[in-house]
Full PDB file with SEQRES, HELIX, SHEET, SSBOND, CRYST1, ORIGX, SCALE, CONECT and MASTER records, all heavy atoms in Angstrom:
SEQRES   1 A   32  ASP ASP PHE THR ASN THR VAL THR LEU GLN MET ASN SER          
SEQRES   2 A   32  LEU LYS PRO GLU ASP THR ALA VAL TYR PHE CYS ALA ALA          
SEQRES   3 A   32  ARG THR SER GLY TYR TYR                                      
HELIX    1 AA1 PRO A   16  ASP A   18  5                                   3    
CRYST1    1.000    1.000    1.000  90.00  90.00  90.00 P 1           1          
ORIGX1      1.000000  0.000000  0.000000        0.00000                         
ORIGX2      0.000000  1.000000  0.000000        0.00000                         
ORIGX3      0.000000  0.000000  1.000000        0.00000                         
SCALE1      1.000000  0.000000  0.000000        0.00000                         
SCALE2      0.000000  1.000000  0.000000        0.00000                         
SCALE3      0.000000  0.000000  1.000000        0.00000                         
ATOM      1  N   ASP A   1     -54.472  40.941 -60.365  1.00  0.00           N  
ATOM      2  CA  ASP A   1     -55.672  40.066 -60.232  1.00  0.00           C  
ATOM      3  C   ASP A   1     -55.920  39.517 -61.645  1.00  0.00           C  
ATOM      4  O   ASP A   1     -56.340  40.239 -62.581  1.00  0.00           O  
ATOM      5  CB  ASP A   1     -56.835  40.889 -59.866  1.00  0.00           C  
ATOM      6  CG  ASP A   1     -58.130  40.079 -59.695  1.00  0.00           C  
ATOM      7  OD1 ASP A   1     -58.267  39.115 -60.392  1.00  0.00           O  
ATOM      8  OD2 ASP A   1     -58.913  40.516 -58.876  1.00  0.00           O  
ATOM      9  N   ASP A   2     -55.690  38.219 -61.906  1.00  0.00           N  
ATOM     10  CA  ASP A   2     -55.675  37.614 -63.238  1.00  0.00           C  
ATOM     11  C   ASP A   2     -57.174  37.603 -63.555  1.00  0.00           C  
ATOM     12  O   ASP A   2     -57.455  37.564 -64.893  1.00  0.00           O  
ATOM     13  CB  ASP A   2     -55.067  36.232 -63.187  1.00  0.00           C  
ATOM     14  CG  ASP A   2     -53.703  36.173 -63.326  1.00  0.00           C  
ATOM     15  OD1 ASP A   2     -53.078  37.173 -63.873  1.00  0.00           O  
ATOM     16  OD2 ASP A   2     -53.015  35.473 -62.753  1.00  0.00           O  
ATOM     17  N   PHE A   3     -58.075  37.526 -62.723  1.00  0.00           N  
ATOM     18  CA  PHE A   3     -59.499  37.456 -63.108  1.00  0.00           C  
ATOM     19  C   PHE A   3     -59.910  38.695 -63.769  1.00  0.00           C  
ATOM     20  O   PHE A   3     -60.725  38.726 -64.777  1.00  0.00           O  
ATOM     21  CB  PHE A   3     -60.357  37.173 -61.905  1.00  0.00           C  
ATOM     22  CG  PHE A   3     -61.938  36.968 -62.282  1.00  0.00           C  
ATOM     23  CD1 PHE A   3     -62.311  35.840 -62.868  1.00  0.00           C  
ATOM     24  CD2 PHE A   3     -62.725  37.852 -61.881  1.00  0.00           C  
ATOM     25  CE1 PHE A   3     -63.565  35.531 -63.206  1.00  0.00           C  
ATOM     26  CE2 PHE A   3     -64.063  37.692 -62.155  1.00  0.00           C  
ATOM     27  CZ  PHE A   3     -64.459  36.506 -62.815  1.00  0.00           C  
ATOM     28  N   THR A   4     -59.602  39.898 -63.304  1.00  0.00           N  
ATOM     29  CA  THR A   4     -59.969  41.150 -63.794  1.00  0.00           C  
ATOM     30  C   THR A   4     -58.908  41.804 -64.725  1.00  0.00           C  
ATOM     31  O   THR A   4     -59.158  42.978 -65.218  1.00  0.00           O  
ATOM     32  CB  THR A   4     -60.433  42.191 -62.654  1.00  0.00           C  
ATOM     33  OG1 THR A   4     -59.242  42.230 -61.894  1.00  0.00           O  
ATOM     34  CG2 THR A   4     -61.453  41.509 -61.819  1.00  0.00           C  
ATOM     35  N   ASN A   5     -57.721  41.172 -64.623  1.00  0.00           N  
ATOM     36  CA  ASN A   5     -56.548  41.883 -65.392  1.00  0.00           C  
ATOM     37  C   ASN A   5     -56.196  43.330 -64.811  1.00  0.00           C  
ATOM     38  O   ASN A   5     -55.719  44.062 -65.588  1.00  0.00           O  
ATOM     39  CB  ASN A   5     -56.815  41.899 -66.943  1.00  0.00           C  
ATOM     40  CG  ASN A   5     -56.516  40.601 -67.651  1.00  0.00           C  
ATOM     41  OD1 ASN A   5     -55.655  39.851 -67.166  1.00  0.00           O  
ATOM     42  ND2 ASN A   5     -57.062  40.539 -68.819  1.00  0.00           N  
ATOM     43  N   THR A   6     -56.476  43.375 -63.543  1.00  0.00           N  
ATOM     44  CA  THR A   6     -56.128  44.630 -62.866  1.00  0.00           C  
ATOM     45  C   THR A   6     -54.680  44.497 -62.239  1.00  0.00           C  
ATOM     46  O   THR A   6     -54.430  43.472 -61.633  1.00  0.00           O  
ATOM     47  CB  THR A   6     -57.111  44.883 -61.871  1.00  0.00           C  
ATOM     48  OG1 THR A   6     -58.412  45.041 -62.440  1.00  0.00           O  
ATOM     49  CG2 THR A   6     -56.830  46.253 -61.045  1.00  0.00           C  
ATOM     50  N   VAL A   7     -53.966  45.436 -62.321  1.00  0.00           N  
ATOM     51  CA  VAL A   7     -52.596  45.414 -61.701  1.00  0.00           C  
ATOM     52  C   VAL A   7     -52.571  46.663 -60.827  1.00  0.00           C  
ATOM     53  O   VAL A   7     -53.023  47.716 -61.140  1.00  0.00           O  
ATOM     54  CB  VAL A   7     -51.506  45.483 -62.766  1.00  0.00           C  
ATOM     55  CG1 VAL A   7     -51.490  46.814 -63.507  1.00  0.00           C  
ATOM     56  CG2 VAL A   7     -50.223  45.241 -62.094  1.00  0.00           C  
ATOM     57  N   THR A   8     -51.943  46.495 -59.614  1.00  0.00           N  
ATOM     58  CA  THR A   8     -51.875  47.473 -58.520  1.00  0.00           C  
ATOM     59  C   THR A   8     -50.364  47.735 -58.280  1.00  0.00           C  
ATOM     60  O   THR A   8     -49.594  46.707 -58.099  1.00  0.00           O  
ATOM     61  CB  THR A   8     -52.513  47.060 -57.399  1.00  0.00           C  
ATOM     62  OG1 THR A   8     -54.044  46.830 -57.758  1.00  0.00           O  
ATOM     63  CG2 THR A   8     -52.384  48.045 -56.346  1.00  0.00           C  
ATOM     64  N   LEU A   9     -50.054  48.985 -58.049  1.00  0.00           N  
ATOM     65  CA  LEU A   9     -48.735  49.239 -57.655  1.00  0.00           C  
ATOM     66  C   LEU A   9     -48.788  49.999 -56.274  1.00  0.00           C  
ATOM     67  O   LEU A   9     -49.346  51.141 -56.305  1.00  0.00           O  
ATOM     68  CB  LEU A   9     -47.995  50.222 -58.651  1.00  0.00           C  
ATOM     69  CG  LEU A   9     -46.521  50.614 -58.349  1.00  0.00           C  
ATOM     70  CD1 LEU A   9     -45.672  49.345 -58.610  1.00  0.00           C  
ATOM     71  CD2 LEU A   9     -46.072  51.665 -59.264  1.00  0.00           C  
ATOM     72  N   GLN A  10     -48.323  49.322 -55.273  1.00  0.00           N  
ATOM     73  CA  GLN A  10     -48.296  49.877 -53.952  1.00  0.00           C  
ATOM     74  C   GLN A  10     -46.905  50.537 -53.781  1.00  0.00           C  
ATOM     75  O   GLN A  10     -45.875  50.023 -53.880  1.00  0.00           O  
ATOM     76  CB  GLN A  10     -48.572  48.850 -52.904  1.00  0.00           C  
ATOM     77  CG  GLN A  10     -48.342  49.360 -51.423  1.00  0.00           C  
ATOM     78  CD  GLN A  10     -49.574  50.265 -51.120  1.00  0.00           C  
ATOM     79  OE1 GLN A  10     -50.702  50.073 -51.383  1.00  0.00           O  
ATOM     80  NE2 GLN A  10     -49.316  51.420 -50.434  1.00  0.00           N  
ATOM     81  N   MET A  11     -47.005  51.907 -53.494  1.00  0.00           N  
ATOM     82  CA  MET A  11     -45.745  52.684 -53.317  1.00  0.00           C  
ATOM     83  C   MET A  11     -45.604  53.213 -51.997  1.00  0.00           C  
ATOM     84  O   MET A  11     -46.478  54.016 -51.461  1.00  0.00           O  
ATOM     85  CB  MET A  11     -45.769  53.851 -54.442  1.00  0.00           C  
ATOM     86  CG  MET A  11     -46.074  53.377 -55.777  1.00  0.00           C  
ATOM     87  SD  MET A  11     -45.970  54.821 -57.010  1.00  0.00           S  
ATOM     88  CE  MET A  11     -47.365  55.868 -56.489  1.00  0.00           C  
ATOM     89  N   ASN A  12     -44.667  52.821 -51.276  1.00  0.00           N  
ATOM     90  CA  ASN A  12     -44.411  53.119 -49.882  1.00  0.00           C  
ATOM     91  C   ASN A  12     -43.134  53.995 -49.848  1.00  0.00           C  
ATOM     92  O   ASN A  12     -42.292  53.895 -50.761  1.00  0.00           O  
ATOM     93  CB  ASN A  12     -44.295  51.917 -48.925  1.00  0.00           C  
ATOM     94  CG  ASN A  12     -45.580  51.090 -48.862  1.00  0.00           C  
ATOM     95  OD1 ASN A  12     -46.710  51.650 -49.024  1.00  0.00           O  
ATOM     96  ND2 ASN A  12     -45.433  49.851 -48.870  1.00  0.00           N  
ATOM     97  N   SER A  13     -42.976  54.676 -48.647  1.00  0.00           N  
ATOM     98  CA  SER A  13     -41.792  55.393 -48.500  1.00  0.00           C  
ATOM     99  C   SER A  13     -41.478  56.312 -49.631  1.00  0.00           C  
ATOM    100  O   SER A  13     -40.258  56.302 -50.125  1.00  0.00           O  
ATOM    101  CB  SER A  13     -40.533  54.553 -48.168  1.00  0.00           C  
ATOM    102  OG  SER A  13     -40.919  53.753 -47.004  1.00  0.00           O  
ATOM    103  N   LEU A  14     -42.385  57.114 -50.183  1.00  0.00           N  
ATOM    104  CA  LEU A  14     -42.258  57.884 -51.363  1.00  0.00           C  
ATOM    105  C   LEU A  14     -41.159  59.036 -51.158  1.00  0.00           C  
ATOM    106  O   LEU A  14     -41.014  59.495 -50.134  1.00  0.00           O  
ATOM    107  CB  LEU A  14     -43.469  58.374 -51.862  1.00  0.00           C  
ATOM    108  CG  LEU A  14     -44.410  57.408 -52.598  1.00  0.00           C  
ATOM    109  CD1 LEU A  14     -45.942  57.886 -52.560  1.00  0.00           C  
ATOM    110  CD2 LEU A  14     -43.857  57.210 -53.971  1.00  0.00           C  
ATOM    111  N   LYS A  15     -40.357  59.241 -52.283  1.00  0.00           N  
ATOM    112  CA  LYS A  15     -39.373  60.232 -52.208  1.00  0.00           C  
ATOM    113  C   LYS A  15     -39.687  61.315 -53.283  1.00  0.00           C  
ATOM    114  O   LYS A  15     -40.349  60.939 -54.177  1.00  0.00           O  
ATOM    115  CB  LYS A  15     -38.025  59.571 -52.501  1.00  0.00           C  
ATOM    116  CG  LYS A  15     -37.693  58.465 -51.572  1.00  0.00           C  
ATOM    117  CD  LYS A  15     -36.344  57.851 -52.092  1.00  0.00           C  
ATOM    118  CE  LYS A  15     -35.933  56.713 -51.171  1.00  0.00           C  
ATOM    119  NZ  LYS A  15     -34.729  56.022 -51.708  1.00  0.00           N  
ATOM    120  N   PRO A  16     -39.247  62.554 -53.086  1.00  0.00           N  
ATOM    121  CA  PRO A  16     -39.347  63.512 -54.195  1.00  0.00           C  
ATOM    122  C   PRO A  16     -38.907  63.082 -55.573  1.00  0.00           C  
ATOM    123  O   PRO A  16     -39.535  63.414 -56.564  1.00  0.00           O  
ATOM    124  CB  PRO A  16     -38.559  64.732 -53.675  1.00  0.00           C  
ATOM    125  CG  PRO A  16     -38.461  64.606 -52.176  1.00  0.00           C  
ATOM    126  CD  PRO A  16     -38.529  63.139 -51.906  1.00  0.00           C  
ATOM    127  N   GLU A  17     -37.893  62.303 -55.601  1.00  0.00           N  
ATOM    128  CA  GLU A  17     -37.463  61.779 -56.891  1.00  0.00           C  
ATOM    129  C   GLU A  17     -38.385  60.791 -57.491  1.00  0.00           C  
ATOM    130  O   GLU A  17     -38.199  60.312 -58.649  1.00  0.00           O  
ATOM    131  CB  GLU A  17     -36.045  61.094 -56.801  1.00  0.00           C  
ATOM    132  CG  GLU A  17     -35.860  60.266 -55.680  1.00  0.00           C  
ATOM    133  CD  GLU A  17     -35.230  60.707 -54.448  1.00  0.00           C  
ATOM    134  OE1 GLU A  17     -35.725  61.826 -54.024  1.00  0.00           O  
ATOM    135  OE2 GLU A  17     -34.446  60.187 -53.838  1.00  0.00           O  
ATOM    136  N   ASP A  18     -39.412  60.329 -56.817  1.00  0.00           N  
ATOM    137  CA  ASP A  18     -40.494  59.422 -57.432  1.00  0.00           C  
ATOM    138  C   ASP A  18     -41.510  60.270 -58.203  1.00  0.00           C  
ATOM    139  O   ASP A  18     -42.445  59.578 -58.801  1.00  0.00           O  
ATOM    140  CB  ASP A  18     -41.213  58.643 -56.288  1.00  0.00           C  
ATOM    141  CG  ASP A  18     -40.249  57.682 -55.606  1.00  0.00           C  
ATOM    142  OD1 ASP A  18     -39.453  57.111 -56.326  1.00  0.00           O  
ATOM    143  OD2 ASP A  18     -40.350  57.491 -54.408  1.00  0.00           O  
ATOM    144  N   THR A  19     -41.455  61.607 -58.163  1.00  0.00           N  
ATOM    145  CA  THR A  19     -42.282  62.476 -58.858  1.00  0.00           C  
ATOM    146  C   THR A  19     -42.231  62.230 -60.372  1.00  0.00           C  
ATOM    147  O   THR A  19     -41.155  62.360 -60.859  1.00  0.00           O  
ATOM    148  CB  THR A  19     -42.049  63.954 -58.486  1.00  0.00           C  
ATOM    149  OG1 THR A  19     -42.382  64.101 -57.139  1.00  0.00           O  
ATOM    150  CG2 THR A  19     -42.920  64.761 -59.266  1.00  0.00           C  
ATOM    151  N   ALA A  20     -43.382  61.880 -60.955  1.00  0.00           N  
ATOM    152  CA  ALA A  20     -43.357  61.627 -62.442  1.00  0.00           C  
ATOM    153  C   ALA A  20     -44.853  61.307 -62.823  1.00  0.00           C  
ATOM    154  O   ALA A  20     -45.777  61.259 -61.918  1.00  0.00           O  
ATOM    155  CB  ALA A  20     -42.533  60.387 -62.724  1.00  0.00           C  
ATOM    156  N   VAL A  21     -45.075  61.178 -64.056  1.00  0.00           N  
ATOM    157  CA  VAL A  21     -46.268  60.579 -64.647  1.00  0.00           C  
ATOM    158  C   VAL A  21     -46.053  59.129 -64.707  1.00  0.00           C  
ATOM    159  O   VAL A  21     -45.056  58.639 -65.205  1.00  0.00           O  
ATOM    160  CB  VAL A  21     -46.649  61.202 -65.925  1.00  0.00           C  
ATOM    161  CG1 VAL A  21     -47.878  60.558 -66.548  1.00  0.00           C  
ATOM    162  CG2 VAL A  21     -46.844  62.693 -65.885  1.00  0.00           C  
ATOM    163  N   TYR A  22     -46.903  58.290 -64.130  1.00  0.00           N  
ATOM    164  CA  TYR A  22     -46.833  56.877 -64.166  1.00  0.00           C  
ATOM    165  C   TYR A  22     -47.821  56.311 -65.195  1.00  0.00           C  
ATOM    166  O   TYR A  22     -48.995  56.608 -65.231  1.00  0.00           O  
ATOM    167  CB  TYR A  22     -47.158  56.305 -62.650  1.00  0.00           C  
ATOM    168  CG  TYR A  22     -46.016  56.603 -61.734  1.00  0.00           C  
ATOM    169  CD1 TYR A  22     -45.763  57.802 -61.227  1.00  0.00           C  
ATOM    170  CD2 TYR A  22     -45.326  55.493 -61.226  1.00  0.00           C  
ATOM    171  CE1 TYR A  22     -44.672  58.074 -60.411  1.00  0.00           C  
ATOM    172  CE2 TYR A  22     -44.317  55.713 -60.376  1.00  0.00           C  
ATOM    173  CZ  TYR A  22     -43.964  56.879 -59.927  1.00  0.00           C  
ATOM    174  OH  TYR A  22     -42.915  57.224 -59.037  1.00  0.00           O  
ATOM    175  N   PHE A  23     -47.261  55.423 -65.953  1.00  0.00           N  
ATOM    176  CA  PHE A  23     -47.914  54.754 -67.105  1.00  0.00           C  
ATOM    177  C   PHE A  23     -48.014  53.319 -66.818  1.00  0.00           C  
ATOM    178  O   PHE A  23     -47.100  52.701 -66.459  1.00  0.00           O  
ATOM    179  CB  PHE A  23     -47.260  55.135 -68.407  1.00  0.00           C  
ATOM    180  CG  PHE A  23     -47.144  56.418 -68.811  1.00  0.00           C  
ATOM    181  CD1 PHE A  23     -46.043  57.290 -68.372  1.00  0.00           C  
ATOM    182  CD2 PHE A  23     -48.136  57.065 -69.587  1.00  0.00           C  
ATOM    183  CE1 PHE A  23     -46.074  58.513 -68.800  1.00  0.00           C  
ATOM    184  CE2 PHE A  23     -47.980  58.304 -70.042  1.00  0.00           C  
ATOM    185  CZ  PHE A  23     -46.985  59.043 -69.577  1.00  0.00           C  
ATOM    186  N   CYS A  24     -49.312  52.763 -67.066  1.00  0.00           N  
ATOM    187  CA  CYS A  24     -49.448  51.438 -67.016  1.00  0.00           C  
ATOM    188  C   CYS A  24     -49.296  50.848 -68.463  1.00  0.00           C  
ATOM    189  O   CYS A  24     -49.653  51.598 -69.355  1.00  0.00           O  
ATOM    190  CB  CYS A  24     -50.854  51.147 -66.484  1.00  0.00           C  
ATOM    191  SG  CYS A  24     -51.432  49.412 -66.467  1.00  0.00           S  
ATOM    192  N   ALA A  25     -48.821  49.613 -68.603  1.00  0.00           N  
ATOM    193  CA  ALA A  25     -48.599  49.095 -69.886  1.00  0.00           C  
ATOM    194  C   ALA A  25     -48.862  47.527 -69.876  1.00  0.00           C  
ATOM    195  O   ALA A  25     -48.700  46.922 -68.789  1.00  0.00           O  
ATOM    196  CB  ALA A  25     -47.180  49.206 -70.320  1.00  0.00           C  
ATOM    197  N   ALA A  26     -49.239  46.995 -71.051  1.00  0.00           N  
ATOM    198  CA  ALA A  26     -49.545  45.726 -71.118  1.00  0.00           C  
ATOM    199  C   ALA A  26     -48.876  45.135 -72.323  1.00  0.00           C  
ATOM    200  O   ALA A  26     -48.717  45.650 -73.413  1.00  0.00           O  
ATOM    201  CB  ALA A  26     -51.137  45.352 -71.237  1.00  0.00           C  
ATOM    202  N   ARG A  27     -48.376  43.775 -72.170  1.00  0.00           N  
ATOM    203  CA  ARG A  27     -47.858  43.024 -73.304  1.00  0.00           C  
ATOM    204  C   ARG A  27     -48.922  42.070 -73.800  1.00  0.00           C  
ATOM    205  O   ARG A  27     -49.274  41.135 -72.908  1.00  0.00           O  
ATOM    206  CB  ARG A  27     -46.500  42.427 -72.935  1.00  0.00           C  
ATOM    207  CG  ARG A  27     -45.973  41.621 -74.064  1.00  0.00           C  
ATOM    208  CD  ARG A  27     -44.566  41.045 -73.707  1.00  0.00           C  
ATOM    209  NE  ARG A  27     -43.987  40.287 -74.758  1.00  0.00           N  
ATOM    210  CZ  ARG A  27     -43.296  40.660 -75.761  1.00  0.00           C  
ATOM    211  NH1 ARG A  27     -43.105  42.034 -75.796  1.00  0.00           N  
ATOM    212  NH2 ARG A  27     -42.770  39.881 -76.726  1.00  0.00           N  
ATOM    213  N   THR A  28     -49.272  42.225 -74.986  1.00  0.00           N  
ATOM    214  CA  THR A  28     -50.350  41.246 -75.680  1.00  0.00           C  
ATOM    215  C   THR A  28     -49.798  40.331 -76.706  1.00  0.00           C  
ATOM    216  O   THR A  28     -50.470  39.569 -77.217  1.00  0.00           O  
ATOM    217  CB  THR A  28     -51.568  41.995 -76.005  1.00  0.00           C  
ATOM    218  OG1 THR A  28     -51.297  42.733 -77.098  1.00  0.00           O  
ATOM    219  CG2 THR A  28     -52.140  42.824 -74.847  1.00  0.00           C  
ATOM    220  N   SER A  29     -48.582  40.668 -77.102  1.00  0.00           N  
ATOM    221  CA  SER A  29     -48.012  40.063 -78.341  1.00  0.00           C  
ATOM    222  C   SER A  29     -47.282  38.786 -78.173  1.00  0.00           C  
ATOM    223  O   SER A  29     -46.575  38.401 -79.184  1.00  0.00           O  
ATOM    224  CB  SER A  29     -47.223  41.175 -79.136  1.00  0.00           C  
ATOM    225  OG  SER A  29     -46.228  41.638 -78.265  1.00  0.00           O  
ATOM    226  N   GLY A  30     -47.195  38.302 -76.984  1.00  0.00           N  
ATOM    227  CA  GLY A  30     -46.396  36.964 -76.783  1.00  0.00           C  
ATOM    228  C   GLY A  30     -45.571  37.153 -75.499  1.00  0.00           C  
ATOM    229  O   GLY A  30     -45.525  38.059 -74.781  1.00  0.00           O  
ATOM    230  N   TYR A  31     -44.854  36.025 -75.306  1.00  0.00           N  
ATOM    231  CA  TYR A  31     -44.036  36.014 -74.117  1.00  0.00           C  
ATOM    232  C   TYR A  31     -42.813  36.930 -74.167  1.00  0.00           C  
ATOM    233  O   TYR A  31     -42.254  37.282 -75.272  1.00  0.00           O  
ATOM    234  CB  TYR A  31     -43.385  34.579 -73.877  1.00  0.00           C  
ATOM    235  CG  TYR A  31     -44.475  33.586 -73.613  1.00  0.00           C  
ATOM    236  CD1 TYR A  31     -44.969  32.573 -74.527  1.00  0.00           C  
ATOM    237  CD2 TYR A  31     -45.123  33.598 -72.315  1.00  0.00           C  
ATOM    238  CE1 TYR A  31     -45.931  31.720 -74.182  1.00  0.00           C  
ATOM    239  CE2 TYR A  31     -46.112  32.587 -72.029  1.00  0.00           C  
ATOM    240  CZ  TYR A  31     -46.562  31.703 -72.922  1.00  0.00           C  
ATOM    241  OH  TYR A  31     -47.440  30.831 -72.735  1.00  0.00           O  
ATOM    242  N   TYR A  32     -42.434  37.373 -73.105  1.00  0.00           N  
ATOM    243  CA  TYR A  32     -41.352  38.290 -73.026  1.00  0.00           C  
ATOM    244  C   TYR A  32     -40.080  37.644 -73.453  1.00  0.00           C  
ATOM    245  O   TYR A  32     -39.837  36.461 -73.277  1.00  0.00           O  
ATOM    246  CB  TYR A  32     -40.971  38.868 -71.476  1.00  0.00           C  
ATOM    247  CG  TYR A  32     -42.055  39.795 -70.955  1.00  0.00           C  
ATOM    248  CD1 TYR A  32     -43.041  39.274 -70.178  1.00  0.00           C  
ATOM    249  CD2 TYR A  32     -42.132  41.031 -71.267  1.00  0.00           C  
ATOM    250  CE1 TYR A  32     -44.031  40.030 -69.493  1.00  0.00           C  
ATOM    251  CE2 TYR A  32     -43.004  42.016 -70.767  1.00  0.00           C  
ATOM    252  CZ  TYR A  32     -43.855  41.351 -69.804  1.00  0.00           C  
ATOM    253  OH  TYR A  32     -44.888  42.174 -69.442  1.00  0.00           O  
TER     254      TYR A  32                                                      
MASTER        0    0    0    1    0    0    0    6  253    1    0    3          
END                                                                             
């Protein structure tokens, strides 16, 4: 959502190997 700068990750068909700590990150220093 560009208005709120909110990002969502929809995770379906989860597997045991998806177990982890999930981190959100942002790039503010210029284009990739």
